[in-house]
Amino acid sequence: MFRISLKHNIESIPLAKFIVIIGMVVLLGAFIKMNYLVLLGKTEITTTFTIIKFQTALYDRVITSIIPAIIWVSFMTVNTCFLIIGLMITAVGIKYTLLQEQAKKS
C-alpha cells in the first residue's frame, strides 16, 4: 500500500477503484464495530441493589480494578485506528482515481 501511495500515478483504473472499495469496506467495518462497542458500553447491568451501566462499572474503581478499563480503552483505540486507516486508504484511492480521470480528459 505504501509503495502504491509513494508513486505519482497508477497505471490501471481498476486498481485505483479497488483501493477505494477496500478503504470503504474497512471504514464500514470499523463503524459497525464502533456501534457495537458503544451499545455494549450503554448496556445496563442489574445487580441486587442498583442498575449500573457497563461503562460506568468499568471505570468505577470500587466495582472493578483498573485492568478492565485499560482493556476497554484499548478496544476503542484500536477501532479508532481502523477508522483512520480506512479514511487514509479511501483518500489514496480517490486521489488516484481522480488523477486517472484527469489524465483521460487531457
Protein backbone atom coordinates (compact mmCIF):
# COMPACT_ATOMS: atom_id res chain seq x y z
CA MET A 1 0.00 0.00 0.00
CA PHE A 2 2.80 2.39 0.85
CA ARG A 3 4.62 1.63 -2.41
CA ILE A 4 1.43 2.45 -4.31
CA SER A 5 0.91 5.69 -2.40
CA LEU A 6 4.51 6.81 -2.99
CA LYS A 7 4.13 6.51 -6.76
CA HIS A 8 2.90 9.59 -8.56
CA ASN A 9 0.38 7.66 -10.63
CA ILE A 10 -1.22 4.26 -11.00
CA GLU A 11 -1.43 2.80 -14.46
CA SER A 12 -4.70 0.92 -14.07
CA ILE A 13 -8.04 2.50 -13.25
CA PRO A 14 -9.47 -0.74 -11.76
CA LEU A 15 -6.66 -0.81 -9.18
CA ALA A 16 -7.45 2.74 -8.11
CA LYS A 17 -11.15 1.92 -7.81
CA PHE A 18 -10.33 -1.29 -5.93
CA ILE A 19 -8.31 0.74 -3.41
CA VAL A 20 -11.35 2.98 -2.86
CA ILE A 21 -13.58 -0.06 -2.33
CA ILE A 22 -11.13 -1.66 0.13
CA GLY A 23 -10.93 1.59 2.10
CA MET A 24 -14.71 1.87 2.23
CA VAL A 25 -15.06 -1.74 3.43
CA VAL A 26 -12.52 -1.14 6.20
CA LEU A 27 -14.30 2.09 7.13
CA LEU A 28 -17.73 0.43 7.16
CA GLY A 29 -16.46 -2.47 9.28
CA ALA A 30 -14.88 -0.07 11.78
CA PHE A 31 -18.11 1.94 12.04
CA ILE A 32 -20.12 -1.23 12.68
CA LYS A 33 -17.64 -2.37 15.33
CA MET A 34 -17.72 1.08 16.97
CA ASN A 35 -21.52 0.92 17.03
CA TYR A 36 -21.40 -2.41 18.86
CA LEU A 37 -18.85 -1.09 21.35
CA VAL A 38 -21.00 1.97 22.09
CA LEU A 39 -24.10 -0.19 22.52
CA LEU A 40 -22.17 -2.51 24.84
CA GLY A 41 -20.99 0.49 26.85
CA LYS A 42 -24.59 1.65 27.32
CA THR A 43 -25.84 -1.79 28.42
CA GLU A 44 -27.28 -1.81 31.92
CA ILE A 45 -26.12 -4.39 34.43
CA THR A 46 -28.69 -5.31 37.05
CA THR A 47 -27.29 -6.05 40.49
CA THR A 48 -29.17 -6.83 43.67
CA PHE A 49 -29.07 -3.21 44.82
CA THR A 50 -28.99 -1.00 41.75
CA ILE A 51 -28.75 -0.80 37.97
CA ILE A 52 -25.31 0.18 36.65
CA LYS A 53 -24.24 0.91 33.08
CA PHE A 54 -21.47 -1.33 31.75
CA GLN A 55 -19.06 1.50 31.00
CA THR A 56 -19.66 3.08 34.40
CA ALA A 57 -18.85 -0.25 36.02
CA LEU A 58 -15.62 -0.44 34.06
CA TYR A 59 -14.40 2.99 35.09
CA ASP A 60 -15.50 2.82 38.73
CA ARG A 61 -12.57 1.66 40.87
CA VAL A 62 -14.87 0.49 43.65
CA ILE A 63 -16.56 -2.05 41.36
CA THR A 64 -13.62 -3.25 39.21
CA SER A 65 -9.87 -2.82 39.11
CA ILE A 66 -8.02 -0.68 36.56
CA ILE A 67 -7.29 -3.57 34.15
CA PRO A 68 -10.81 -3.78 32.58
CA ALA A 69 -10.78 -0.02 31.98
CA ILE A 70 -7.40 -0.28 30.24
CA ILE A 71 -8.66 -3.14 28.06
CA TRP A 72 -11.82 -1.17 27.19
CA VAL A 73 -9.80 1.90 26.22
CA SER A 74 -7.50 -0.28 24.10
CA PHE A 75 -10.55 -1.68 22.21
CA MET A 76 -11.68 1.87 21.48
CA THR A 77 -8.17 2.94 20.46
CA VAL A 78 -7.73 0.03 18.04
CA ASN A 79 -11.13 0.73 16.50
CA THR A 80 -10.29 4.42 16.10
CA CYS A 81 -7.07 3.42 14.33
CA PHE A 82 -9.12 1.26 11.95
CA LEU A 83 -11.33 4.26 11.21
CA ILE A 84 -8.30 6.42 10.43
CA ILE A 85 -6.70 3.70 8.28
CA GLY A 86 -9.95 3.28 6.34
CA LEU A 87 -10.09 7.02 5.70
CA MET A 88 -6.47 7.08 4.54
CA ILE A 89 -6.88 4.13 2.16
CA THR A 90 -10.05 5.64 0.71
CA ALA A 91 -8.32 9.01 0.26
CA VAL A 92 -5.40 7.41 -1.59
CA GLY A 93 -7.81 5.54 -3.86
CA ILE A 94 -9.86 8.67 -4.57
CA LYS A 95 -6.69 10.63 -5.31
CA TYR A 96 -5.51 8.13 -7.90
CA THR A 97 -8.98 7.72 -9.39
CA LEU A 98 -9.18 11.48 -9.89
CA LEU A 99 -5.68 11.57 -11.38
CA GLN A 100 -6.67 8.84 -13.86
CA GLU A 101 -9.86 10.65 -14.84
CA GLN A 102 -7.95 13.92 -15.22
CA ALA A 103 -5.40 12.17 -17.46
CA LYS A 104 -8.24 10.77 -19.61
CA LYS A 105 -9.72 14.23 -20.14
CA SER A 106 -6.37 15.74 -21.14
